[in-house]
Amino acid sequence: MPAGKKASTGKKSSAKKSTKAAKAPTGALPPYGDPIRGAIARGDVQEMKNVAASSRKWLADVQAALKELDSALKKAGNK
């Protein structure tokens, strides 16, 4: 085979993109450890403030949902 030419695999590349992959996530994303640590490592104070605020809101939402779940479990246990 001459240099500079690639062997054909018989597969055609598609220019189509999945509509699922094209959509950006919406809503709040859970602040798991990597984004928090990444913001700290980058040292961007504004990013750290944004991640902290987002994390606090997410945690408050989760705590409220957990409280509702505990209440529902207590009611279900009384049946």
N, C-alpha and C. Protein backbone atom coordinates (compact mmCIF):
# COMPACT_ATOMS: atom_id res chain seq x y z
N MET A 1 0.85 -1.16 0.00
CA MET A 1 0.00 0.00 0.00
C MET A 1 0.90 1.23 0.00
N PRO A 2 0.64 2.21 -0.87
CA PRO A 2 1.45 3.42 -0.92
C PRO A 2 1.33 4.23 0.37
N ALA A 3 2.40 4.89 0.74
CA ALA A 3 2.40 5.70 1.95
C ALA A 3 1.41 6.85 1.79
N GLY A 4 0.75 7.22 2.89
CA GLY A 4 -0.16 8.36 2.87
C GLY A 4 -1.60 7.97 2.57
N LYS A 5 -1.87 6.74 2.15
CA LYS A 5 -3.24 6.31 1.90
C LYS A 5 -3.66 5.37 3.01
N LYS A 6 -4.90 5.55 3.44
CA LYS A 6 -5.45 4.70 4.49
C LYS A 6 -6.26 3.58 3.88
N ALA A 7 -6.23 2.45 4.52
CA ALA A 7 -7.03 1.33 4.06
C ALA A 7 -8.49 1.61 4.35
N SER A 8 -9.35 1.29 3.42
CA SER A 8 -10.77 1.49 3.61
C SER A 8 -11.33 0.39 4.50
N THR A 9 -12.17 0.80 5.48
CA THR A 9 -12.79 -0.17 6.36
C THR A 9 -14.16 -0.58 5.86
N GLY A 10 -14.62 0.07 4.79
CA GLY A 10 -15.93 -0.24 4.26
C GLY A 10 -17.04 0.49 4.99
N LYS A 11 -16.72 1.26 6.03
CA LYS A 11 -17.72 2.00 6.79
C LYS A 11 -17.76 3.43 6.29
N LYS A 12 -18.95 3.96 6.18
CA LYS A 12 -19.11 5.36 5.80
C LYS A 12 -19.30 6.18 7.06
N SER A 13 -18.67 7.33 7.12
CA SER A 13 -18.89 8.19 8.28
C SER A 13 -20.16 8.98 8.03
N SER A 14 -20.90 9.16 9.08
CA SER A 14 -22.17 9.86 8.98
C SER A 14 -22.02 11.27 9.52
N ALA A 15 -22.57 12.23 8.80
CA ALA A 15 -22.53 13.61 9.25
C ALA A 15 -23.69 13.92 10.18
N LYS A 16 -24.63 12.97 10.32
CA LYS A 16 -25.78 13.18 11.19
C LYS A 16 -25.35 13.14 12.64
N LYS A 17 -26.00 13.98 13.42
CA LYS A 17 -25.76 13.96 14.86
C LYS A 17 -27.06 13.59 15.54
N SER A 18 -26.95 12.85 16.58
CA SER A 18 -28.12 12.44 17.33
C SER A 18 -28.79 13.65 17.97
N THR A 19 -30.10 13.69 17.93
CA THR A 19 -30.80 14.80 18.56
C THR A 19 -30.64 14.74 20.07
N LYS A 20 -30.46 13.55 20.61
CA LYS A 20 -30.24 13.42 22.05
C LYS A 20 -28.92 14.06 22.46
N ALA A 21 -27.88 13.85 21.67
CA ALA A 21 -26.56 14.38 22.00
C ALA A 21 -26.51 15.89 21.80
N ALA A 22 -27.37 16.43 20.95
CA ALA A 22 -27.33 17.86 20.65
C ALA A 22 -27.96 18.68 21.77
N LYS A 23 -28.81 18.08 22.57
CA LYS A 23 -29.49 18.82 23.62
C LYS A 23 -28.60 18.94 24.85
N ALA A 24 -28.51 20.16 25.36
CA ALA A 24 -27.76 20.39 26.59
C ALA A 24 -28.65 20.04 27.78
N PRO A 25 -28.07 19.59 28.88
CA PRO A 25 -28.88 19.29 30.05
C PRO A 25 -29.58 20.55 30.54
N THR A 26 -30.79 20.39 31.02
CA THR A 26 -31.53 21.52 31.56
C THR A 26 -31.73 21.32 33.04
N GLY A 27 -31.94 22.40 33.75
CA GLY A 27 -32.17 22.33 35.18
C GLY A 27 -30.88 22.18 35.96
N ALA A 28 -31.04 22.05 37.26
CA ALA A 28 -29.89 21.92 38.14
C ALA A 28 -29.28 20.53 38.03
N LEU A 29 -27.98 20.48 38.05
CA LEU A 29 -27.27 19.21 38.06
C LEU A 29 -26.72 18.97 39.46
N PRO A 30 -26.76 17.75 39.93
CA PRO A 30 -26.24 17.49 41.28
C PRO A 30 -24.76 17.82 41.36
N PRO A 31 -24.36 18.50 42.41
CA PRO A 31 -22.97 18.92 42.57
C PRO A 31 -22.10 17.82 43.15
N TYR A 32 -21.82 16.81 42.35
CA TYR A 32 -20.97 15.75 42.86
C TYR A 32 -19.54 16.26 42.99
N GLY A 33 -18.67 15.50 43.60
CA GLY A 33 -17.34 15.96 44.00
C GLY A 33 -16.45 16.50 42.92
N ASP A 34 -16.45 15.90 41.72
CA ASP A 34 -15.51 16.33 40.69
C ASP A 34 -15.70 17.79 40.26
N PRO A 35 -16.91 18.26 39.98
CA PRO A 35 -17.05 19.68 39.61
C PRO A 35 -16.66 20.62 40.74
N ILE A 36 -16.96 20.23 41.97
CA ILE A 36 -16.58 21.07 43.11
C ILE A 36 -15.06 21.14 43.22
N ARG A 37 -14.42 19.97 43.16
CA ARG A 37 -12.94 19.95 43.25
C ARG A 37 -12.30 20.64 42.06
N GLY A 38 -12.91 20.51 40.89
CA GLY A 38 -12.39 21.17 39.69
C GLY A 38 -12.42 22.67 39.82
N ALA A 39 -13.52 23.20 40.37
CA ALA A 39 -13.63 24.65 40.57
C ALA A 39 -12.55 25.13 41.56
N ILE A 40 -12.33 24.35 42.58
CA ILE A 40 -11.29 24.70 43.56
C ILE A 40 -9.92 24.68 42.90
N ALA A 41 -9.64 23.64 42.12
CA ALA A 41 -8.33 23.50 41.48
C ALA A 41 -8.06 24.62 40.49
N ARG A 42 -9.10 25.08 39.78
CA ARG A 42 -8.92 26.17 38.82
C ARG A 42 -8.71 27.50 39.51
N GLY A 43 -9.17 27.62 40.75
CA GLY A 43 -8.94 28.82 41.53
C GLY A 43 -9.76 30.02 41.10
N ASP A 44 -10.78 29.83 40.27
CA ASP A 44 -11.62 30.92 39.81
C ASP A 44 -12.65 31.21 40.91
N VAL A 45 -12.49 32.34 41.59
CA VAL A 45 -13.32 32.65 42.75
C VAL A 45 -14.80 32.73 42.36
N GLN A 46 -15.11 33.35 41.25
CA GLN A 46 -16.51 33.47 40.84
C GLN A 46 -17.11 32.09 40.55
N GLU A 47 -16.34 31.23 39.89
CA GLU A 47 -16.82 29.87 39.62
C GLU A 47 -17.05 29.13 40.94
N MET A 48 -16.14 29.28 41.89
CA MET A 48 -16.30 28.62 43.18
C MET A 48 -17.56 29.11 43.89
N LYS A 49 -17.82 30.43 43.82
CA LYS A 49 -19.03 30.98 44.43
C LYS A 49 -20.27 30.41 43.76
N ASN A 50 -20.25 30.32 42.43
CA ASN A 50 -21.39 29.78 41.69
C ASN A 50 -21.64 28.31 42.03
N VAL A 51 -20.56 27.53 42.08
CA VAL A 51 -20.68 26.11 42.41
C VAL A 51 -21.19 25.95 43.84
N ALA A 52 -20.69 26.77 44.75
CA ALA A 52 -21.14 26.70 46.15
C ALA A 52 -22.62 27.02 46.27
N ALA A 53 -23.06 28.09 45.60
CA ALA A 53 -24.48 28.47 45.65
C ALA A 53 -25.35 27.38 45.05
N SER A 54 -24.93 26.84 43.92
CA SER A 54 -25.67 25.78 43.26
C SER A 54 -25.74 24.53 44.15
N SER A 55 -24.63 24.21 44.79
CA SER A 55 -24.57 23.04 45.66
C SER A 55 -25.49 23.21 46.87
N ARG A 56 -25.48 24.41 47.45
CA ARG A 56 -26.34 24.66 48.62
C ARG A 56 -27.82 24.54 48.24
N LYS A 57 -28.19 25.07 47.08
CA LYS A 57 -29.58 24.98 46.63
C LYS A 57 -29.95 23.52 46.38
N TRP A 58 -29.08 22.80 45.70
CA TRP A 58 -29.36 21.40 45.40
C TRP A 58 -29.52 20.59 46.69
N LEU A 59 -28.63 20.83 47.65
CA LEU A 59 -28.72 20.11 48.93
C LEU A 59 -30.01 20.44 49.66
N ALA A 60 -30.43 21.71 49.65
CA ALA A 60 -31.69 22.09 50.29
C ALA A 60 -32.87 21.39 49.63
N ASP A 61 -32.86 21.31 48.30
CA ASP A 61 -33.93 20.61 47.58
C ASP A 61 -33.96 19.13 47.94
N VAL A 62 -32.78 18.52 48.02
CA VAL A 62 -32.70 17.10 48.36
C VAL A 62 -33.17 16.88 49.80
N GLN A 63 -32.78 17.75 50.70
CA GLN A 63 -33.20 17.61 52.09
C GLN A 63 -34.72 17.74 52.23
N ALA A 64 -35.32 18.67 51.47
CA ALA A 64 -36.78 18.84 51.50
C ALA A 64 -37.47 17.60 50.95
N ALA A 65 -36.95 17.06 49.85
CA ALA A 65 -37.53 15.85 49.27
C ALA A 65 -37.39 14.66 50.21
N LEU A 66 -36.27 14.57 50.90
CA LEU A 66 -36.06 13.48 51.85
C LEU A 66 -37.03 13.60 53.02
N LYS A 67 -37.29 14.82 53.45
CA LYS A 67 -38.25 15.04 54.54
C LYS A 67 -39.64 14.57 54.10
N GLU A 68 -40.03 14.89 52.85
CA GLU A 68 -41.31 14.42 52.31
C GLU A 68 -41.35 12.89 52.25
N LEU A 69 -40.26 12.30 51.83
CA LEU A 69 -40.17 10.85 51.74
C LEU A 69 -40.32 10.21 53.12
N ASP A 70 -39.63 10.76 54.10
CA ASP A 70 -39.75 10.24 55.47
C ASP A 70 -41.18 10.32 55.97
N SER A 71 -41.85 11.43 55.67
CA SER A 71 -43.24 11.61 56.07
C SER A 71 -44.14 10.57 55.40
N ALA A 72 -43.93 10.34 54.11
CA ALA A 72 -44.71 9.35 53.38
C ALA A 72 -44.45 7.94 53.92
N LEU A 73 -43.22 7.66 54.29
CA LEU A 73 -42.89 6.35 54.86
C LEU A 73 -43.59 6.15 56.21
N LYS A 74 -43.65 7.20 57.02
CA LYS A 74 -44.34 7.08 58.31
C LYS A 74 -45.81 6.80 58.10
N LYS A 75 -46.42 7.52 57.14
CA LYS A 75 -47.85 7.30 56.85
C LYS A 75 -48.08 5.89 56.31
N ALA A 76 -47.20 5.42 55.45
CA ALA A 76 -47.34 4.09 54.87
C ALA A 76 -47.16 3.01 55.93
N GLY A 77 -46.34 3.28 56.92
CA GLY A 77 -46.11 2.30 57.98
C GLY A 77 -47.30 2.16 58.92
N ASN A 78 -48.20 3.13 58.94
CA ASN A 78 -49.35 3.09 59.81
C ASN A 78 -50.55 2.37 59.20
N LYS A 79 -50.40 1.86 58.00
CA LYS A 79 -51.53 1.18 57.35
C LYS A 79 -51.65 -0.24 57.79
